[in-house]
Amino acid sequence: MRKAICFFIVGDKYWKMYNKNKATFENYAKKCGADLKIIDKPMDDQFHRPLLAQKLLIPSETRDYDMVLFMDLDIIISDKAPSVFDYLPEDKYFGAILDPRGTEEFNKTWGHIPRILEETSEMYFTDRHFEANPLLQGSINGGVFIFRPKKVADIFKEYYFSDHNQGELNSFEETPFAYFSQINNWFEALPPAFNVQVLYKIKGTEKGKEVENDEKKLPEFFRKYYYKKTGSCFYPTRKYKNYVKQIIAENYFTHFSGNYPIIYN
């Protein structure tokens, strides 16, 4: 069985991120018995959809493989992470982590946006102009997903080049990935440890609030300067670094979505 770990790298910023973490990615690929596959240019240079939505074309670009793991570049892999390829059953063709909708972490994280709290799993899809279906399980995060290219490539490519419009709440690749895999009964919910978002751990837990309050003690002018200079949303204080190292140690993949500063192993 041919396996690959795939990265979508377009632009110097993302090459720098990849190179900082290259050794870890290579070690994990070796553990999994997988090749590293890098896509370094847009897969549709006519941009029928935005660049982020072109993740829908990755299965078509990786048909030479039997199974492929895609990962965003802002992810740190724990040394103890097992092979994620072992977590996609033979009769399932697409796996990802379901959003923790309805949990305390989710509610605390998004409490400032009532629309998100009020949104049910069904509403998530219908609000983005997909029809309701009893097989729908929920929304996903697109930072980590695993798939069988030959089984899923055509349907995702067909959607990408269709005229379907998700409207104001466009979630790019995430909604169609979740929708079509779930209504076709291809979907496998991966263990949450394969995509733990720092965002939820900072905003949605008591420990995270302590770390956040500690960061706010820094002078405001200093924090704003740092945010502007680095593009981060948070200054990596000692408490932040220690908390993040704990998160990494306790899970498999830690995802620094939302522009939280990456703490490398």
C-alpha atoms as a PDB file:
ATOM      1  CA  MET A   1       0.000   0.000   0.000  1.00  0.00           C
ATOM      2  CA  ARG A   2       1.393   3.391  -1.029  1.00  0.00           C
ATOM      3  CA  LYS A   3       0.950   6.126   1.554  1.00  0.00           C
ATOM      4  CA  ALA A   4       1.855   9.810   1.557  1.00  0.00           C
ATOM      5  CA  ILE A   5       1.792  12.815   3.860  1.00  0.00           C
ATOM      6  CA  CYS A   6       0.877  15.839   1.773  1.00  0.00           C
ATOM      7  CA  PHE A   7       1.587  19.547   2.262  1.00  0.00           C
ATOM      8  CA  PHE A   8       0.283  22.496   0.227  1.00  0.00           C
ATOM      9  CA  ILE A   9       3.090  25.081   0.189  1.00  0.00           C
ATOM     10  CA  VAL A  10       2.632  28.250  -1.861  1.00  0.00           C
ATOM     11  CA  GLY A  11       4.786  31.243  -0.919  1.00  0.00           C
ATOM     12  CA  ASP A  12       7.983  31.949   1.033  1.00  0.00           C
ATOM     13  CA  LYS A  13       6.182  32.278   4.374  1.00  0.00           C
ATOM     14  CA  TYR A  14       4.921  28.713   4.141  1.00  0.00           C
ATOM     15  CA  TRP A  15       8.243  27.286   2.946  1.00  0.00           C
ATOM     16  CA  LYS A  16       9.848  28.801   6.053  1.00  0.00           C
ATOM     17  CA  MET A  17       7.215  27.122   8.229  1.00  0.00           C
ATOM     18  CA  TYR A  18       7.799  23.792   6.489  1.00  0.00           C
ATOM     19  CA  ASN A  19      11.575  23.972   6.796  1.00  0.00           C
ATOM     20  CA  LYS A  20      11.377  24.737  10.532  1.00  0.00           C
ATOM     21  CA  ASN A  21       9.413  21.537  11.069  1.00  0.00           C
ATOM     22  CA  LYS A  22      10.864  19.442   8.235  1.00  0.00           C
ATOM     23  CA  ALA A  23      12.760  16.980  10.430  1.00  0.00           C
ATOM     24  CA  THR A  24       9.641  16.203  12.472  1.00  0.00           C
ATOM     25  CA  PHE A  25       7.553  15.701   9.335  1.00  0.00           C
ATOM     26  CA  GLU A  26      10.213  13.398   7.871  1.00  0.00           C
ATOM     27  CA  ASN A  27      10.449  11.347  11.073  1.00  0.00           C
ATOM     28  CA  TYR A  28       6.693  10.931  11.259  1.00  0.00           C
ATOM     29  CA  ALA A  29       6.500   9.930   7.593  1.00  0.00           C
ATOM     30  CA  LYS A  30       9.154   7.284   8.250  1.00  0.00           C
ATOM     31  CA  LYS A  31       7.175   6.002  11.256  1.00  0.00           C
ATOM     32  CA  CYS A  32       4.075   5.708   9.045  1.00  0.00           C
ATOM     33  CA  GLY A  33       5.901   4.179   6.068  1.00  0.00           C
ATOM     34  CA  ALA A  34       4.780   7.131   3.955  1.00  0.00           C
ATOM     35  CA  ASP A  35       6.298   9.419   1.346  1.00  0.00           C
ATOM     36  CA  LEU A  36       6.310  13.195   1.730  1.00  0.00           C
ATOM     37  CA  LYS A  37       4.324  14.809  -1.081  1.00  0.00           C
ATOM     38  CA  ILE A  38       4.570  18.577  -1.574  1.00  0.00           C
ATOM     39  CA  ILE A  39       2.217  20.547  -3.805  1.00  0.00           C
ATOM     40  CA  ASP A  40       3.966  23.873  -4.387  1.00  0.00           C
ATOM     41  CA  LYS A  41       1.718  25.689  -6.824  1.00  0.00           C
ATOM     42  CA  PRO A  42      -2.009  26.307  -7.289  1.00  0.00           C
ATOM     43  CA  MET A  43      -3.783  23.274  -8.701  1.00  0.00           C
ATOM     44  CA  ASP A  44      -6.166  25.524 -10.623  1.00  0.00           C
ATOM     45  CA  ASP A  45      -4.388  28.555 -12.039  1.00  0.00           C
ATOM     46  CA  GLN A  46      -7.715  29.946 -13.250  1.00  0.00           C
ATOM     47  CA  PHE A  47      -8.941  30.124  -9.625  1.00  0.00           C
ATOM     48  CA  HIS A  48     -12.490  28.902 -10.091  1.00  0.00           C
ATOM     49  CA  ARG A  49     -12.457  29.054  -6.286  1.00  0.00           C
ATOM     50  CA  PRO A  50     -10.017  30.703  -3.819  1.00  0.00           C
ATOM     51  CA  LEU A  51      -6.634  29.101  -3.079  1.00  0.00           C
ATOM     52  CA  LEU A  52      -7.794  27.642   0.249  1.00  0.00           C
ATOM     53  CA  ALA A  53     -10.674  25.850  -1.478  1.00  0.00           C
ATOM     54  CA  GLN A  54      -8.157  24.164  -3.781  1.00  0.00           C
ATOM     55  CA  LYS A  55      -7.573  21.619  -1.024  1.00  0.00           C
ATOM     56  CA  LEU A  56     -10.563  19.939  -2.708  1.00  0.00           C
ATOM     57  CA  LEU A  57      -8.264  19.121  -5.639  1.00  0.00           C
ATOM     58  CA  ILE A  58      -5.563  17.453  -3.525  1.00  0.00           C
ATOM     59  CA  PRO A  59      -7.107  13.963  -3.901  1.00  0.00           C
ATOM     60  CA  SER A  60      -6.910  14.377  -7.700  1.00  0.00           C
ATOM     61  CA  GLU A  61      -3.243  15.338  -7.400  1.00  0.00           C
ATOM     62  CA  THR A  62      -2.391  12.295  -5.292  1.00  0.00           C
ATOM     63  CA  ARG A  63      -4.127   9.471  -7.173  1.00  0.00           C
ATOM     64  CA  ASP A  64      -0.868   7.510  -7.316  1.00  0.00           C
ATOM     65  CA  TYR A  65      -1.282   6.761  -3.603  1.00  0.00           C
ATOM     66  CA  ASP A  66      -3.710   4.457  -1.804  1.00  0.00           C
ATOM     67  CA  MET A  67      -3.955   6.632   1.325  1.00  0.00           C
ATOM     68  CA  VAL A  68      -2.922  10.227   1.944  1.00  0.00           C
ATOM     69  CA  LEU A  69      -2.720  12.361   5.065  1.00  0.00           C
ATOM     70  CA  PHE A  70      -2.965  16.109   4.554  1.00  0.00           C
ATOM     71  CA  MET A  71      -1.657  18.444   7.246  1.00  0.00           C
ATOM     72  CA  ASP A  72      -1.517  22.203   7.607  1.00  0.00           C
ATOM     73  CA  LEU A  73       1.956  23.581   8.290  1.00  0.00           C
ATOM     74  CA  ASP A  74       1.068  25.077  11.693  1.00  0.00           C
ATOM     75  CA  ILE A  75       0.891  21.654  13.319  1.00  0.00           C
ATOM     76  CA  ILE A  76       3.354  20.098  15.753  1.00  0.00           C
ATOM     77  CA  ILE A  77       3.515  16.304  15.931  1.00  0.00           C
ATOM     78  CA  SER A  78       4.154  14.662  19.287  1.00  0.00           C
ATOM     79  CA  ASP A  79       6.867  12.026  19.502  1.00  0.00           C
ATOM     80  CA  LYS A  80       4.268   9.602  20.813  1.00  0.00           C
ATOM     81  CA  ALA A  81       1.848  10.062  17.882  1.00  0.00           C
ATOM     82  CA  PRO A  82       0.892   6.718  16.322  1.00  0.00           C
ATOM     83  CA  SER A  83       0.352   6.282  12.599  1.00  0.00           C
ATOM     84  CA  VAL A  84      -2.889   8.036  11.705  1.00  0.00           C
ATOM     85  CA  PHE A  85      -3.216   5.679   8.732  1.00  0.00           C
ATOM     86  CA  ASP A  86      -4.245   2.949  11.187  1.00  0.00           C
ATOM     87  CA  TYR A  87      -7.355   4.959  12.101  1.00  0.00           C
ATOM     88  CA  LEU A  88      -9.159   4.920   8.740  1.00  0.00           C
ATOM     89  CA  PRO A  89     -11.130   1.662   8.365  1.00  0.00           C
ATOM     90  CA  GLU A  90     -11.063  -0.044   4.966  1.00  0.00           C
ATOM     91  CA  ASP A  91     -14.714   0.813   4.298  1.00  0.00           C
ATOM     92  CA  LYS A  92     -14.201   4.541   5.024  1.00  0.00           C
ATOM     93  CA  TYR A  93     -12.624   6.909   2.537  1.00  0.00           C
ATOM     94  CA  PHE A  94     -12.265  10.220   4.378  1.00  0.00           C
ATOM     95  CA  GLY A  95     -11.373  10.979   7.990  1.00  0.00           C
ATOM     96  CA  ALA A  96     -11.094  14.188   9.988  1.00  0.00           C
ATOM     97  CA  ILE A  97     -11.759  15.547  13.465  1.00  0.00           C
ATOM     98  CA  LEU A  98     -15.287  16.724  14.136  1.00  0.00           C
ATOM     99  CA  ASP A  99     -15.579  20.218  15.604  1.00  0.00           C
ATOM    100  CA  PRO A 100     -16.317  20.006  19.356  1.00  0.00           C
ATOM    101  CA  ARG A 101     -19.708  21.666  18.927  1.00  0.00           C
ATOM    102  CA  GLY A 102     -21.719  21.730  22.140  1.00  0.00           C
ATOM    103  CA  THR A 103     -18.770  21.132  24.453  1.00  0.00           C
ATOM    104  CA  GLU A 104     -17.710  23.541  27.191  1.00  0.00           C
ATOM    105  CA  GLU A 105     -14.502  24.367  25.315  1.00  0.00           C
ATOM    106  CA  PHE A 106     -16.442  25.186  22.153  1.00  0.00           C
ATOM    107  CA  ASN A 107     -19.048  27.285  23.950  1.00  0.00           C
ATOM    108  CA  LYS A 108     -16.463  29.307  25.880  1.00  0.00           C
ATOM    109  CA  THR A 109     -14.345  29.847  22.779  1.00  0.00           C
ATOM    110  CA  TRP A 110     -17.206  31.144  20.645  1.00  0.00           C
ATOM    111  CA  GLY A 111     -19.337  32.708  23.381  1.00  0.00           C
ATOM    112  CA  HIS A 112     -18.774  36.170  21.906  1.00  0.00           C
ATOM    113  CA  ILE A 113     -20.426  35.125  18.620  1.00  0.00           C
ATOM    114  CA  PRO A 114     -24.045  34.080  19.329  1.00  0.00           C
ATOM    115  CA  ARG A 115     -24.619  32.882  15.753  1.00  0.00           C
ATOM    116  CA  ILE A 116     -22.002  30.138  16.177  1.00  0.00           C
ATOM    117  CA  LEU A 117     -23.408  29.020  19.530  1.00  0.00           C
ATOM    118  CA  GLU A 118     -26.938  28.861  18.145  1.00  0.00           C
ATOM    119  CA  GLU A 119     -25.884  26.962  15.033  1.00  0.00           C
ATOM    120  CA  THR A 120     -26.734  23.246  15.077  1.00  0.00           C
ATOM    121  CA  SER A 121     -24.830  20.735  12.986  1.00  0.00           C
ATOM    122  CA  GLU A 122     -27.685  20.696  10.460  1.00  0.00           C
ATOM    123  CA  MET A 123     -27.798  24.502  10.337  1.00  0.00           C
ATOM    124  CA  TYR A 124     -24.056  24.572   9.672  1.00  0.00           C
ATOM    125  CA  PHE A 125     -24.668  22.846   6.342  1.00  0.00           C
ATOM    126  CA  THR A 126     -27.989  24.407   5.347  1.00  0.00           C
ATOM    127  CA  ASP A 127     -26.701  27.921   6.117  1.00  0.00           C
ATOM    128  CA  ARG A 128     -23.991  27.223   3.543  1.00  0.00           C
ATOM    129  CA  HIS A 129     -26.562  26.091   0.966  1.00  0.00           C
ATOM    130  CA  PHE A 130     -26.222  22.328   1.341  1.00  0.00           C
ATOM    131  CA  GLU A 131     -29.366  20.219   1.725  1.00  0.00           C
ATOM    132  CA  ALA A 132     -30.152  18.616   5.073  1.00  0.00           C
ATOM    133  CA  ASN A 133     -29.453  14.898   5.288  1.00  0.00           C
ATOM    134  CA  PRO A 134     -29.949  12.409   8.146  1.00  0.00           C
ATOM    135  CA  LEU A 135     -26.404  11.043   7.685  1.00  0.00           C
ATOM    136  CA  LEU A 136     -24.755  14.353   8.525  1.00  0.00           C
ATOM    137  CA  GLN A 137     -22.592  14.166  11.668  1.00  0.00           C
ATOM    138  CA  GLY A 138     -21.105  17.657  11.940  1.00  0.00           C
ATOM    139  CA  SER A 139     -18.549  20.186  10.771  1.00  0.00           C
ATOM    140  CA  ILE A 140     -14.826  19.482  10.634  1.00  0.00           C
ATOM    141  CA  ASN A 141     -11.533  21.320  10.868  1.00  0.00           C
ATOM    142  CA  GLY A 142      -9.614  21.118   7.582  1.00  0.00           C
ATOM    143  CA  GLY A 143      -6.137  21.266   9.119  1.00  0.00           C
ATOM    144  CA  VAL A 144      -5.843  17.475   9.249  1.00  0.00           C
ATOM    145  CA  PHE A 145      -7.623  14.978   7.036  1.00  0.00           C
ATOM    146  CA  ILE A 146      -6.897  11.524   5.663  1.00  0.00           C
ATOM    147  CA  PHE A 147      -8.392  10.019   2.529  1.00  0.00           C
ATOM    148  CA  ARG A 148      -8.300   7.352  -0.150  1.00  0.00           C
ATOM    149  CA  PRO A 149      -7.661   9.390  -3.322  1.00  0.00           C
ATOM    150  CA  LYS A 150      -9.047   6.988  -5.887  1.00  0.00           C
ATOM    151  CA  LYS A 151     -12.329   6.768  -3.973  1.00  0.00           C
ATOM    152  CA  VAL A 152     -12.960  10.471  -3.349  1.00  0.00           C
ATOM    153  CA  ALA A 153     -11.073  12.511  -5.967  1.00  0.00           C
ATOM    154  CA  ASP A 154     -13.817  12.732  -8.584  1.00  0.00           C
ATOM    155  CA  ILE A 155     -16.626  13.912  -6.333  1.00  0.00           C
ATOM    156  CA  PHE A 156     -14.502  16.617  -4.671  1.00  0.00           C
ATOM    157  CA  LYS A 157     -13.136  17.814  -8.025  1.00  0.00           C
ATOM    158  CA  GLU A 158     -16.643  17.913  -9.471  1.00  0.00           C
ATOM    159  CA  TYR A 159     -17.810  20.049  -6.559  1.00  0.00           C
ATOM    160  CA  TYR A 160     -14.806  22.385  -6.869  1.00  0.00           C
ATOM    161  CA  PHE A 161     -15.618  23.167 -10.501  1.00  0.00           C
ATOM    162  CA  SER A 162     -19.378  23.394  -9.913  1.00  0.00           C
ATOM    163  CA  ASP A 163     -21.306  26.641  -9.540  1.00  0.00           C
ATOM    164  CA  HIS A 164     -22.374  25.918  -5.964  1.00  0.00           C
ATOM    165  CA  ASN A 165     -21.951  28.942  -3.710  1.00  0.00           C
ATOM    166  CA  GLN A 166     -21.721  28.677   0.079  1.00  0.00           C
ATOM    167  CA  GLY A 167     -22.823  32.292   0.522  1.00  0.00           C
ATOM    168  CA  GLU A 168     -21.638  34.686   3.215  1.00  0.00           C
ATOM    169  CA  LEU A 169     -20.529  31.871   5.547  1.00  0.00           C
ATOM    170  CA  ASN A 170     -18.134  30.306   3.028  1.00  0.00           C
ATOM    171  CA  SER A 171     -16.040  27.648   4.754  1.00  0.00           C
ATOM    172  CA  PHE A 172     -14.019  26.849   1.620  1.00  0.00           C
ATOM    173  CA  GLU A 173     -13.022  23.171   1.593  1.00  0.00           C
ATOM    174  CA  GLU A 174     -14.268  22.185   5.047  1.00  0.00           C
ATOM    175  CA  THR A 175     -18.007  22.086   4.382  1.00  0.00           C
ATOM    176  CA  PRO A 176     -17.926  20.093   1.113  1.00  0.00           C
ATOM    177  CA  PHE A 177     -15.353  17.672   2.549  1.00  0.00           C
ATOM    178  CA  ALA A 178     -17.620  17.001   5.532  1.00  0.00           C
ATOM    179  CA  TYR A 179     -20.873  17.052   3.566  1.00  0.00           C
ATOM    180  CA  PHE A 180     -20.069  14.646   0.742  1.00  0.00           C
ATOM    181  CA  SER A 181     -18.092  12.209   2.879  1.00  0.00           C
ATOM    182  CA  GLN A 182     -20.892  12.040   5.444  1.00  0.00           C
ATOM    183  CA  ILE A 183     -23.930  11.752   3.145  1.00  0.00           C
ATOM    184  CA  ASN A 184     -22.126   8.980   1.229  1.00  0.00           C
ATOM    185  CA  ASN A 185     -21.241   7.195   4.487  1.00  0.00           C
ATOM    186  CA  TRP A 186     -17.495   7.447   3.763  1.00  0.00           C
ATOM    187  CA  PHE A 187     -16.683   9.524   6.814  1.00  0.00           C
ATOM    188  CA  GLU A 188     -14.663   8.424   9.829  1.00  0.00           C
ATOM    189  CA  ALA A 189     -14.366  10.737  12.847  1.00  0.00           C
ATOM    190  CA  LEU A 190     -10.708  10.611  13.880  1.00  0.00           C
ATOM    191  CA  PRO A 191      -9.733  10.705  17.582  1.00  0.00           C
ATOM    192  CA  PRO A 192      -9.585  14.357  18.721  1.00  0.00           C
ATOM    193  CA  ALA A 193      -5.922  13.955  19.724  1.00  0.00           C
ATOM    194  CA  PHE A 194      -5.056  14.099  16.005  1.00  0.00           C
ATOM    195  CA  ASN A 195      -6.049  17.764  15.768  1.00  0.00           C
ATOM    196  CA  VAL A 196      -6.025  19.632  19.083  1.00  0.00           C
ATOM    197  CA  GLN A 197      -6.390  23.345  18.448  1.00  0.00           C
ATOM    198  CA  VAL A 198      -4.523  25.710  20.758  1.00  0.00           C
ATOM    199  CA  LEU A 199      -7.351  28.200  20.183  1.00  0.00           C
ATOM    200  CA  TYR A 200      -9.777  26.019  22.154  1.00  0.00           C
ATOM    201  CA  LYS A 201      -7.252  25.324  24.904  1.00  0.00           C
ATOM    202  CA  ILE A 202      -6.603  29.047  25.436  1.00  0.00           C
ATOM    203  CA  LYS A 203     -10.139  30.378  25.037  1.00  0.00           C
ATOM    204  CA  GLY A 204     -12.105  27.409  26.307  1.00  0.00           C
ATOM    205  CA  THR A 205     -10.380  26.234  29.503  1.00  0.00           C
ATOM    206  CA  GLU A 206      -9.653  27.675  32.933  1.00  0.00           C
ATOM    207  CA  LYS A 207      -5.925  27.025  32.525  1.00  0.00           C
ATOM    208  CA  GLY A 208      -6.013  28.767  29.162  1.00  0.00           C
ATOM    209  CA  LYS A 209      -7.714  31.803  30.692  1.00  0.00           C
ATOM    210  CA  GLU A 210      -4.928  32.019  33.266  1.00  0.00           C
ATOM    211  CA  VAL A 211      -2.370  31.991  30.446  1.00  0.00           C
ATOM    212  CA  GLU A 212      -4.353  34.617  28.545  1.00  0.00           C
ATOM    213  CA  ASN A 213      -4.658  36.880  31.585  1.00  0.00           C
ATOM    214  CA  ASP A 214      -0.920  36.558  32.202  1.00  0.00           C
ATOM    215  CA  GLU A 215      -0.198  37.676  28.623  1.00  0.00           C
ATOM    216  CA  LYS A 216      -2.481  40.696  29.038  1.00  0.00           C
ATOM    217  CA  LYS A 217      -0.267  41.942  31.877  1.00  0.00           C
ATOM    218  CA  LEU A 218       2.360  42.837  29.293  1.00  0.00           C
ATOM    219  CA  PRO A 219       2.277  46.513  28.184  1.00  0.00           C
ATOM    220  CA  GLU A 220      -0.324  47.023  25.482  1.00  0.00           C
ATOM    221  CA  PHE A 221       2.069  48.906  23.176  1.00  0.00           C
ATOM    222  CA  PHE A 222       4.512  45.977  23.350  1.00  0.00           C
ATOM    223  CA  ARG A 223       1.846  43.397  22.563  1.00  0.00           C
ATOM    224  CA  LYS A 224       0.511  45.408  19.604  1.00  0.00           C
ATOM    225  CA  TYR A 225       4.020  45.842  18.232  1.00  0.00           C
ATOM    226  CA  TYR A 226       4.672  42.119  18.528  1.00  0.00           C
ATOM    227  CA  TYR A 227       1.347  41.179  16.893  1.00  0.00           C
ATOM    228  CA  LYS A 228       1.976  43.520  13.978  1.00  0.00           C
ATOM    229  CA  LYS A 229       5.579  42.433  13.479  1.00  0.00           C
ATOM    230  CA  THR A 230       4.973  38.667  13.647  1.00  0.00           C
ATOM    231  CA  GLY A 231       1.368  38.224  12.541  1.00  0.00           C
ATOM    232  CA  SER A 232       0.685  36.314  15.768  1.00  0.00           C
ATOM    233  CA  CYS A 233      -2.324  36.989  17.973  1.00  0.00           C
ATOM    234  CA  PHE A 234      -0.514  36.213  21.231  1.00  0.00           C
ATOM    235  CA  TYR A 235       2.887  36.809  22.823  1.00  0.00           C
ATOM    236  CA  PRO A 236       4.586  33.522  23.803  1.00  0.00           C
ATOM    237  CA  THR A 237       5.065  34.092  27.523  1.00  0.00           C
ATOM    238  CA  ARG A 238       6.704  31.466  29.695  1.00  0.00           C
ATOM    239  CA  LYS A 239       3.263  30.339  30.915  1.00  0.00           C
ATOM    240  CA  TYR A 240       2.089  30.019  27.309  1.00  0.00           C
ATOM    241  CA  LYS A 241       5.146  27.982  26.312  1.00  0.00           C
ATOM    242  CA  ASN A 242       4.817  25.653  29.292  1.00  0.00           C
ATOM    243  CA  TYR A 243       1.083  25.153  28.706  1.00  0.00           C
ATOM    244  CA  VAL A 244       1.561  24.467  25.005  1.00  0.00           C
ATOM    245  CA  LYS A 245       4.369  21.980  25.693  1.00  0.00           C
ATOM    246  CA  GLN A 246       1.966  20.161  28.015  1.00  0.00           C
ATOM    247  CA  ILE A 247      -0.714  20.097  25.299  1.00  0.00           C
ATOM    248  CA  ILE A 248       1.785  18.722  22.778  1.00  0.00           C
ATOM    249  CA  ALA A 249       2.936  16.023  25.211  1.00  0.00           C
ATOM    250  CA  GLU A 250      -0.622  14.905  25.989  1.00  0.00           C
ATOM    251  CA  ASN A 251      -1.860  14.709  22.385  1.00  0.00           C
ATOM    252  CA  TYR A 252      -0.760  13.608  18.915  1.00  0.00           C
ATOM    253  CA  PHE A 253      -1.100  16.658  16.629  1.00  0.00           C
ATOM    254  CA  THR A 254      -1.283  20.175  18.104  1.00  0.00           C
ATOM    255  CA  HIS A 255      -2.697  22.774  15.713  1.00  0.00           C
ATOM    256  CA  PHE A 256      -1.774  26.457  16.092  1.00  0.00           C
ATOM    257  CA  SER A 257      -4.746  27.747  14.105  1.00  0.00           C
ATOM    258  CA  GLY A 258      -5.863  31.308  14.666  1.00  0.00           C
ATOM    259  CA  ASN A 259      -2.276  32.634  14.466  1.00  0.00           C
ATOM    260  CA  TYR A 260      -1.162  31.437  17.874  1.00  0.00           C
ATOM    261  CA  PRO A 261       2.653  31.331  18.028  1.00  0.00           C
ATOM    262  CA  ILE A 262       4.069  27.909  17.239  1.00  0.00           C
ATOM    263  CA  ILE A 263       6.238  26.306  19.908  1.00  0.00           C
ATOM    264  CA  TYR A 264       8.542  23.853  18.136  1.00  0.00           C
ATOM    265  CA  ASN A 265       9.737  20.618  19.715  1.00  0.00           C
END
